[in-house]
Amino acid sequence: MATQRSTSDAVSWKGSNGGGKGWNWDNQSNSWLMPDLQSQFLDWLLSDPKDPATRVAWAQENGVHPDSPKRWKRDKRFQEEWDRRAREKNISVDRVQSVVDSLHKAAVNGDVKAANLYLQYIDRFTPKRIVRNEDAETKSLSDEDLLAELQSLTKDWV
């Protein structure tokens, strides 16, 4: 069943269907530039807590048709920018550190799973030990033979 909008709803938005309008190509950065209103909507999507609480309320507050933000979210350029900003937000030092602090606190309080995760995390920062396996064959090689062996092993690296 289709819902009908009142004439007061029609006045609250600007009349655009919210498609791909407003995107401009920037030759200097070699990328698409998101329209300001869509950028503001994306900021809202990434905010926590959200104010206003719903997409429809955001649209009404910003004078766009309630379906426009839904259409923006389907635009590939919008999705790429959303993904980029979300990655940037989620790997920020402050966010990661607060999670690490919470893991440490839980681990100290006896949470075995938290202790395991914390130790896995800090293992990334500890120097790795190099285990050397002495091969009896290489001990008997001359310097020239060792150099030839090394060159044969590293020829694909260059």
N, C-alpha and C. Protein backbone atom coordinates (compact mmCIF):
# COMPACT_ATOMS: atom_id res chain seq x y z
N MET A 1 0.84 -1.17 0.00
CA MET A 1 0.00 0.00 0.00
C MET A 1 0.89 1.24 0.00
N ALA A 2 0.69 2.12 -0.94
CA ALA A 2 1.49 3.33 -1.04
C ALA A 2 1.02 4.35 -0.02
N THR A 3 2.00 5.07 0.52
CA THR A 3 1.63 6.12 1.48
C THR A 3 1.52 7.44 0.74
N GLN A 4 0.62 8.25 1.16
CA GLN A 4 0.42 9.55 0.54
C GLN A 4 1.05 10.62 1.41
N ARG A 5 1.69 11.55 0.77
CA ARG A 5 2.29 12.66 1.50
C ARG A 5 1.37 13.86 1.44
N SER A 6 1.34 14.56 2.53
CA SER A 6 0.51 15.76 2.55
C SER A 6 1.24 16.89 1.83
N THR A 7 0.55 17.93 1.52
CA THR A 7 1.16 19.07 0.85
C THR A 7 2.17 19.76 1.75
N SER A 8 2.03 19.64 3.07
CA SER A 8 3.01 20.26 3.96
C SER A 8 4.35 19.53 3.86
N ASP A 9 4.33 18.20 3.58
CA ASP A 9 5.57 17.47 3.38
C ASP A 9 6.27 17.94 2.11
N ALA A 10 5.50 18.22 1.07
CA ALA A 10 6.07 18.63 -0.20
C ALA A 10 6.77 19.98 -0.08
N VAL A 11 6.33 20.82 0.81
CA VAL A 11 6.93 22.13 0.98
C VAL A 11 8.26 22.05 1.72
N SER A 12 8.45 21.02 2.56
CA SER A 12 9.63 20.95 3.40
C SER A 12 10.90 20.53 2.66
N TRP A 13 10.78 20.02 1.45
CA TRP A 13 11.99 19.63 0.71
C TRP A 13 12.07 20.38 -0.60
N LYS A 14 13.24 20.38 -1.20
CA LYS A 14 13.53 21.26 -2.33
C LYS A 14 13.06 20.73 -3.69
N GLY A 15 12.63 19.48 -3.78
CA GLY A 15 12.07 18.99 -5.03
C GLY A 15 13.01 18.12 -5.85
N SER A 16 14.25 17.95 -5.45
CA SER A 16 15.16 17.08 -6.19
C SER A 16 14.90 15.63 -5.78
N ASN A 17 15.11 14.72 -6.70
CA ASN A 17 14.89 13.31 -6.36
C ASN A 17 16.09 12.71 -5.63
N GLY A 18 17.15 13.48 -5.43
CA GLY A 18 18.29 13.02 -4.64
C GLY A 18 19.23 12.10 -5.38
N GLY A 19 19.16 12.08 -6.68
CA GLY A 19 20.04 11.21 -7.45
C GLY A 19 21.48 11.67 -7.37
N GLY A 20 22.20 11.54 -8.45
CA GLY A 20 23.63 11.84 -8.46
C GLY A 20 23.96 13.29 -8.72
N LYS A 21 23.00 14.18 -8.61
CA LYS A 21 23.25 15.59 -8.89
C LYS A 21 24.20 16.18 -7.87
N GLY A 22 24.99 17.15 -8.34
CA GLY A 22 25.83 17.91 -7.44
C GLY A 22 27.26 17.42 -7.32
N TRP A 23 27.56 16.25 -7.82
CA TRP A 23 28.93 15.75 -7.76
C TRP A 23 29.74 16.46 -8.83
N ASN A 24 30.94 16.89 -8.49
CA ASN A 24 31.82 17.57 -9.44
C ASN A 24 33.17 16.88 -9.47
N TRP A 25 33.74 16.81 -10.66
CA TRP A 25 35.05 16.20 -10.81
C TRP A 25 36.13 17.24 -10.51
N ASP A 26 37.08 16.89 -9.67
CA ASP A 26 38.19 17.77 -9.33
C ASP A 26 39.45 17.25 -10.00
N ASN A 27 39.94 18.01 -10.99
CA ASN A 27 41.13 17.57 -11.72
C ASN A 27 42.37 17.56 -10.86
N GLN A 28 42.44 18.46 -9.89
CA GLN A 28 43.62 18.54 -9.05
C GLN A 28 43.80 17.28 -8.18
N SER A 29 42.71 16.82 -7.57
CA SER A 29 42.80 15.62 -6.73
C SER A 29 42.47 14.35 -7.52
N ASN A 30 42.00 14.53 -8.75
CA ASN A 30 41.63 13.42 -9.62
C ASN A 30 40.56 12.55 -8.97
N SER A 31 39.55 13.20 -8.39
CA SER A 31 38.48 12.46 -7.72
C SER A 31 37.18 13.27 -7.76
N TRP A 32 36.09 12.58 -7.41
CA TRP A 32 34.79 13.23 -7.33
C TRP A 32 34.69 13.99 -6.01
N LEU A 33 34.07 15.16 -6.06
CA LEU A 33 33.81 15.94 -4.85
C LEU A 33 32.34 15.79 -4.48
N MET A 34 32.11 15.36 -3.27
CA MET A 34 30.76 15.13 -2.77
C MET A 34 30.07 16.47 -2.50
N PRO A 35 28.81 16.60 -2.87
CA PRO A 35 28.07 17.82 -2.54
C PRO A 35 28.01 18.02 -1.02
N ASP A 36 27.98 19.28 -0.60
CA ASP A 36 28.01 19.61 0.84
C ASP A 36 26.91 18.91 1.63
N LEU A 37 25.70 18.92 1.11
CA LEU A 37 24.58 18.32 1.85
C LEU A 37 24.78 16.81 2.04
N GLN A 38 25.27 16.15 1.01
CA GLN A 38 25.53 14.71 1.13
C GLN A 38 26.68 14.46 2.11
N SER A 39 27.66 15.35 2.11
CA SER A 39 28.77 15.23 3.06
C SER A 39 28.26 15.39 4.49
N GLN A 40 27.34 16.31 4.69
CA GLN A 40 26.74 16.49 6.02
C GLN A 40 25.95 15.25 6.43
N PHE A 41 25.24 14.65 5.47
CA PHE A 41 24.50 13.43 5.77
C PHE A 41 25.46 12.30 6.14
N LEU A 42 26.56 12.20 5.42
CA LEU A 42 27.56 11.18 5.73
C LEU A 42 28.16 11.41 7.12
N ASP A 43 28.41 12.66 7.46
CA ASP A 43 28.88 12.97 8.82
C ASP A 43 27.87 12.47 9.84
N TRP A 44 26.60 12.68 9.56
CA TRP A 44 25.54 12.23 10.47
C TRP A 44 25.54 10.70 10.56
N LEU A 45 25.68 10.02 9.40
CA LEU A 45 25.70 8.55 9.41
C LEU A 45 26.81 8.00 10.29
N LEU A 46 27.95 8.68 10.29
CA LEU A 46 29.11 8.21 11.03
C LEU A 46 29.13 8.69 12.48
N SER A 47 28.15 9.51 12.85
CA SER A 47 28.13 10.04 14.21
C SER A 47 27.51 9.04 15.18
N ASP A 48 27.89 9.18 16.43
CA ASP A 48 27.33 8.32 17.47
C ASP A 48 27.33 9.09 18.77
N PRO A 49 26.23 9.39 19.35
CA PRO A 49 24.87 9.04 18.93
C PRO A 49 24.40 9.96 17.80
N LYS A 50 23.38 9.52 17.10
CA LYS A 50 22.84 10.28 15.98
C LYS A 50 21.80 11.29 16.47
N ASP A 51 21.96 12.52 15.99
CA ASP A 51 20.99 13.56 16.31
C ASP A 51 20.73 14.34 15.04
N PRO A 52 19.55 14.26 14.49
CA PRO A 52 18.36 13.55 14.94
C PRO A 52 18.54 12.03 14.83
N ALA A 53 17.63 11.32 15.43
CA ALA A 53 17.77 9.87 15.58
C ALA A 53 17.54 9.07 14.29
N THR A 54 16.77 9.59 13.35
CA THR A 54 16.44 8.81 12.15
C THR A 54 16.81 9.55 10.88
N ARG A 55 16.95 8.78 9.80
CA ARG A 55 17.25 9.34 8.48
C ARG A 55 16.15 10.30 8.04
N VAL A 56 14.91 9.90 8.26
CA VAL A 56 13.77 10.73 7.85
C VAL A 56 13.79 12.06 8.61
N ALA A 57 14.08 12.00 9.90
CA ALA A 57 14.15 13.23 10.70
C ALA A 57 15.31 14.10 10.23
N TRP A 58 16.44 13.48 9.86
CA TRP A 58 17.58 14.24 9.34
C TRP A 58 17.18 14.95 8.05
N ALA A 59 16.49 14.22 7.17
CA ALA A 59 16.06 14.80 5.89
C ALA A 59 15.14 15.99 6.13
N GLN A 60 14.18 15.82 7.02
CA GLN A 60 13.24 16.90 7.30
C GLN A 60 13.98 18.12 7.87
N GLU A 61 14.90 17.88 8.77
CA GLU A 61 15.65 18.96 9.39
C GLU A 61 16.53 19.70 8.38
N ASN A 62 16.96 18.99 7.34
CA ASN A 62 17.86 19.59 6.35
C ASN A 62 17.17 19.98 5.05
N GLY A 63 15.85 19.88 5.01
CA GLY A 63 15.08 20.37 3.87
C GLY A 63 15.21 19.54 2.61
N VAL A 64 15.40 18.22 2.76
CA VAL A 64 15.46 17.36 1.58
C VAL A 64 14.34 16.32 1.67
N HIS A 65 13.98 15.79 0.53
CA HIS A 65 12.96 14.76 0.48
C HIS A 65 13.42 13.58 1.33
N PRO A 66 12.52 12.95 2.08
CA PRO A 66 12.92 11.83 2.95
C PRO A 66 13.57 10.66 2.22
N ASP A 67 13.29 10.49 0.92
CA ASP A 67 13.89 9.39 0.17
C ASP A 67 15.28 9.74 -0.39
N SER A 68 15.64 11.02 -0.43
CA SER A 68 16.94 11.42 -1.01
C SER A 68 18.13 10.77 -0.32
N PRO A 69 18.21 10.80 1.01
CA PRO A 69 19.37 10.14 1.64
C PRO A 69 19.46 8.65 1.32
N LYS A 70 18.31 8.01 1.17
CA LYS A 70 18.31 6.59 0.81
C LYS A 70 18.91 6.42 -0.59
N ARG A 71 18.59 7.33 -1.49
CA ARG A 71 19.14 7.27 -2.85
C ARG A 71 20.64 7.58 -2.83
N TRP A 72 21.04 8.55 -2.02
CA TRP A 72 22.46 8.89 -1.93
C TRP A 72 23.27 7.68 -1.51
N LYS A 73 22.74 6.92 -0.57
CA LYS A 73 23.47 5.76 -0.05
C LYS A 73 23.68 4.69 -1.12
N ARG A 74 22.87 4.70 -2.17
CA ARG A 74 23.02 3.72 -3.25
C ARG A 74 24.04 4.15 -4.29
N ASP A 75 24.44 5.42 -4.27
CA ASP A 75 25.40 5.96 -5.24
C ASP A 75 26.79 5.39 -4.94
N LYS A 76 27.42 4.82 -5.95
CA LYS A 76 28.74 4.19 -5.77
C LYS A 76 29.76 5.19 -5.22
N ARG A 77 29.73 6.42 -5.67
CA ARG A 77 30.68 7.43 -5.18
C ARG A 77 30.45 7.70 -3.70
N PHE A 78 29.18 7.77 -3.30
CA PHE A 78 28.84 7.98 -1.90
C PHE A 78 29.34 6.80 -1.07
N GLN A 79 29.11 5.59 -1.56
CA GLN A 79 29.55 4.39 -0.84
C GLN A 79 31.06 4.35 -0.67
N GLU A 80 31.79 4.76 -1.70
CA GLU A 80 33.25 4.78 -1.61
C GLU A 80 33.73 5.78 -0.57
N GLU A 81 33.12 6.96 -0.55
CA GLU A 81 33.49 7.97 0.44
C GLU A 81 33.09 7.52 1.84
N TRP A 82 31.95 6.88 1.97
CA TRP A 82 31.49 6.35 3.25
C TRP A 82 32.48 5.32 3.77
N ASP A 83 32.89 4.43 2.91
CA ASP A 83 33.86 3.40 3.29
C ASP A 83 35.19 4.04 3.71
N ARG A 84 35.66 5.03 2.94
CA ARG A 84 36.93 5.69 3.26
C ARG A 84 36.86 6.37 4.62
N ARG A 85 35.78 7.12 4.85
CA ARG A 85 35.65 7.84 6.13
C ARG A 85 35.46 6.89 7.31
N ALA A 86 34.73 5.80 7.10
CA ALA A 86 34.52 4.83 8.17
C ALA A 86 35.85 4.17 8.56
N ARG A 87 36.66 3.81 7.54
CA ARG A 87 37.97 3.23 7.83
C ARG A 87 38.84 4.22 8.59
N GLU A 88 38.81 5.46 8.15
CA GLU A 88 39.61 6.51 8.81
C GLU A 88 39.17 6.69 10.26
N LYS A 89 37.88 6.67 10.49
CA LYS A 89 37.35 6.84 11.85
C LYS A 89 37.70 5.64 12.73
N ASN A 90 37.55 4.45 12.19
CA ASN A 90 37.71 3.24 12.99
C ASN A 90 39.15 2.88 13.29
N ILE A 91 40.10 3.44 12.56
CA ILE A 91 41.50 3.14 12.87
C ILE A 91 42.18 4.30 13.57
N SER A 92 41.42 5.25 14.04
CA SER A 92 42.03 6.37 14.74
C SER A 92 42.68 5.86 16.03
N VAL A 93 43.76 6.48 16.40
CA VAL A 93 44.53 6.08 17.57
C VAL A 93 43.68 6.11 18.83
N ASP A 94 42.87 7.16 18.99
CA ASP A 94 42.03 7.28 20.18
C ASP A 94 41.07 6.11 20.33
N ARG A 95 40.43 5.74 19.23
CA ARG A 95 39.46 4.64 19.28
C ARG A 95 40.15 3.32 19.60
N VAL A 96 41.26 3.06 18.92
CA VAL A 96 41.98 1.81 19.14
C VAL A 96 42.49 1.75 20.58
N GLN A 97 43.04 2.86 21.06
CA GLN A 97 43.58 2.87 22.40
C GLN A 97 42.51 2.62 23.45
N SER A 98 41.32 3.18 23.25
CA SER A 98 40.25 2.95 24.24
C SER A 98 39.85 1.48 24.28
N VAL A 99 39.87 0.81 23.13
CA VAL A 99 39.56 -0.63 23.09
C VAL A 99 40.67 -1.43 23.78
N VAL A 100 41.91 -1.07 23.50
CA VAL A 100 43.05 -1.76 24.13
C VAL A 100 42.99 -1.57 25.65
N ASP A 101 42.67 -0.36 26.10
CA ASP A 101 42.55 -0.11 27.54
C ASP A 101 41.46 -0.98 28.16
N SER A 102 40.33 -1.10 27.46
CA SER A 102 39.23 -1.93 27.96
C SER A 102 39.63 -3.40 28.00
N LEU A 103 40.34 -3.86 26.98
CA LEU A 103 40.82 -5.24 26.96
C LEU A 103 41.76 -5.50 28.13
N HIS A 104 42.69 -4.56 28.36
CA HIS A 104 43.64 -4.71 29.45
C HIS A 104 42.92 -4.79 30.79
N LYS A 105 41.97 -3.90 31.00
CA LYS A 105 41.23 -3.88 32.26
C LYS A 105 40.50 -5.21 32.48
N ALA A 106 39.83 -5.69 31.42
CA ALA A 106 39.11 -6.97 31.53
C ALA A 106 40.07 -8.12 31.77
N ALA A 107 41.24 -8.09 31.12
CA ALA A 107 42.23 -9.16 31.29
C ALA A 107 42.75 -9.19 32.71
N VAL A 108 43.04 -8.01 33.26
CA VAL A 108 43.54 -7.93 34.63
C VAL A 108 42.49 -8.43 35.62
N ASN A 109 41.22 -8.27 35.28
CA ASN A 109 40.13 -8.72 36.15
C ASN A 109 39.77 -10.19 35.92
N GLY A 110 40.57 -10.90 35.15
CA GLY A 110 40.38 -12.35 35.03
C GLY A 110 39.69 -12.84 33.78
N ASP A 111 39.36 -11.97 32.84
CA ASP A 111 38.71 -12.40 31.61
C ASP A 111 39.77 -13.03 30.69
N VAL A 112 39.72 -14.35 30.55
CA VAL A 112 40.73 -15.08 29.80
C VAL A 112 40.71 -14.70 28.32
N LYS A 113 39.53 -14.56 27.76
CA LYS A 113 39.43 -14.20 26.34
C LYS A 113 40.03 -12.80 26.09
N ALA A 114 39.73 -11.87 26.99
CA ALA A 114 40.29 -10.52 26.87
C ALA A 114 41.81 -10.57 27.01
N ALA A 115 42.31 -11.40 27.92
CA ALA A 115 43.75 -11.54 28.10
C ALA A 115 44.40 -12.07 26.83
N ASN A 116 43.77 -13.05 26.21
CA ASN A 116 44.29 -13.62 24.97
C ASN A 116 44.33 -12.56 23.86
N LEU A 117 43.23 -11.82 23.70
CA LEU A 117 43.17 -10.77 22.67
C LEU A 117 44.19 -9.67 22.93
N TYR A 118 44.33 -9.29 24.19
CA TYR A 118 45.30 -8.24 24.55
C TYR A 118 46.72 -8.70 24.21
N LEU A 119 47.05 -9.94 24.57
CA LEU A 119 48.38 -10.45 24.28
C LEU A 119 48.63 -10.59 22.78
N GLN A 120 47.61 -10.94 22.02
CA GLN A 120 47.74 -10.98 20.56
C GLN A 120 48.02 -9.58 20.03
N TYR A 121 47.35 -8.60 20.59
CA TYR A 121 47.54 -7.21 20.14
C TYR A 121 48.96 -6.73 20.43
N ILE A 122 49.42 -6.92 21.67
CA ILE A 122 50.75 -6.40 22.01
C ILE A 122 51.86 -7.20 21.33
N ASP A 123 51.57 -8.43 20.93
CA ASP A 123 52.56 -9.24 20.22
C ASP A 123 52.99 -8.56 18.91
N ARG A 124 52.12 -7.75 18.34
CA ARG A 124 52.45 -7.03 17.11
C ARG A 124 53.62 -6.08 17.31
N PHE A 125 53.84 -5.63 18.54
CA PHE A 125 54.85 -4.62 18.81
C PHE A 125 56.14 -5.18 19.41
N THR A 126 56.16 -6.47 19.68
CA THR A 126 57.36 -7.05 20.26
C THR A 126 58.28 -7.53 19.15
N PRO A 127 59.59 -7.35 19.35
CA PRO A 127 60.51 -7.80 18.30
C PRO A 127 60.47 -9.32 18.15
N LYS A 128 60.54 -9.75 16.94
CA LYS A 128 60.50 -11.18 16.66
C LYS A 128 61.91 -11.75 16.74
N ARG A 129 62.02 -12.93 17.32
CA ARG A 129 63.31 -13.61 17.38
C ARG A 129 63.56 -14.30 16.05
N ILE A 130 64.79 -14.19 15.63
CA ILE A 130 65.18 -14.87 14.40
C ILE A 130 65.88 -16.16 14.78
N VAL A 131 65.36 -17.25 14.28
CA VAL A 131 65.94 -18.55 14.56
C VAL A 131 66.83 -18.90 13.39
N ARG A 132 68.10 -19.15 13.69
CA ARG A 132 69.05 -19.48 12.63
C ARG A 132 69.30 -20.98 12.65
N ASN A 133 69.16 -21.52 11.50
CA ASN A 133 69.41 -22.95 11.35
C ASN A 133 70.73 -23.10 10.60
N GLU A 134 71.73 -23.58 11.30
CA GLU A 134 73.02 -23.75 10.63
C GLU A 134 73.01 -25.03 9.82
N ASP A 135 73.28 -24.88 8.58
CA ASP A 135 73.29 -26.00 7.67
C ASP A 135 74.74 -26.45 7.47
N ALA A 136 74.98 -27.72 7.67
CA ALA A 136 76.33 -28.25 7.56
C ALA A 136 76.90 -28.02 6.17
N GLU A 137 76.04 -28.03 5.14
CA GLU A 137 76.51 -27.84 3.77
C GLU A 137 77.07 -26.45 3.57
N THR A 138 76.46 -25.44 4.15
CA THR A 138 76.92 -24.07 3.94
C THR A 138 78.22 -23.78 4.67
N LYS A 139 78.51 -24.51 5.73
CA LYS A 139 79.76 -24.31 6.45
C LYS A 139 80.97 -24.63 5.59
N SER A 140 80.81 -25.57 4.70
CA SER A 140 81.95 -26.00 3.89
C SER A 140 82.11 -25.19 2.60
N LEU A 141 81.16 -24.26 2.31
CA LEU A 141 81.24 -23.48 1.07
C LEU A 141 82.27 -22.36 1.20
N SER A 142 82.92 -22.07 0.08
CA SER A 142 83.86 -20.93 0.04
C SER A 142 83.05 -19.64 -0.06
N ASP A 143 83.73 -18.52 0.10
CA ASP A 143 83.07 -17.22 0.00
C ASP A 143 82.45 -17.03 -1.39
N GLU A 144 83.15 -17.46 -2.41
CA GLU A 144 82.65 -17.32 -3.79
C GLU A 144 81.39 -18.17 -3.99
N ASP A 145 81.41 -19.39 -3.44
CA ASP A 145 80.26 -20.28 -3.57
C ASP A 145 79.05 -19.72 -2.80
N LEU A 146 79.32 -19.15 -1.62
CA LEU A 146 78.23 -18.54 -0.85
C LEU A 146 77.63 -17.35 -1.59
N LEU A 147 78.50 -16.52 -2.19
CA LEU A 147 78.02 -15.37 -2.95
C LEU A 147 77.17 -15.83 -4.13
N ALA A 148 77.60 -16.85 -4.84
CA ALA A 148 76.84 -17.38 -5.98
C ALA A 148 75.48 -17.92 -5.51
N GLU A 149 75.47 -18.62 -4.37
CA GLU A 149 74.21 -19.15 -3.83
C GLU A 149 73.27 -18.01 -3.45
N LEU A 150 73.82 -16.98 -2.80
CA LEU A 150 73.01 -15.83 -2.41
C LEU A 150 72.43 -15.13 -3.63
N GLN A 151 73.22 -14.94 -4.65
CA GLN A 151 72.75 -14.29 -5.86
C GLN A 151 71.64 -15.09 -6.55
N SER A 152 71.79 -16.40 -6.54
CA SER A 152 70.77 -17.24 -7.17
C SER A 152 69.43 -17.18 -6.38
N LEU A 153 69.53 -17.03 -5.06
CA LEU A 153 68.33 -16.96 -4.26
C LEU A 153 67.63 -15.59 -4.34
N THR A 154 68.40 -14.55 -4.61
CA THR A 154 67.84 -13.19 -4.60
C THR A 154 67.63 -12.61 -5.99
N LYS A 155 67.89 -13.35 -7.04
CA LYS A 155 67.77 -12.81 -8.41
C LYS A 155 66.35 -12.37 -8.73
N ASP A 156 65.34 -13.01 -8.15
CA ASP A 156 63.95 -12.65 -8.43
C ASP A 156 63.48 -11.43 -7.65
N TRP A 157 64.25 -10.99 -6.67
CA TRP A 157 63.85 -9.86 -5.84
C TRP A 157 64.09 -8.51 -6.52
N VAL A 158 64.99 -8.48 -7.44
CA VAL A 158 65.37 -7.21 -8.07
C VAL A 158 64.45 -6.86 -9.19
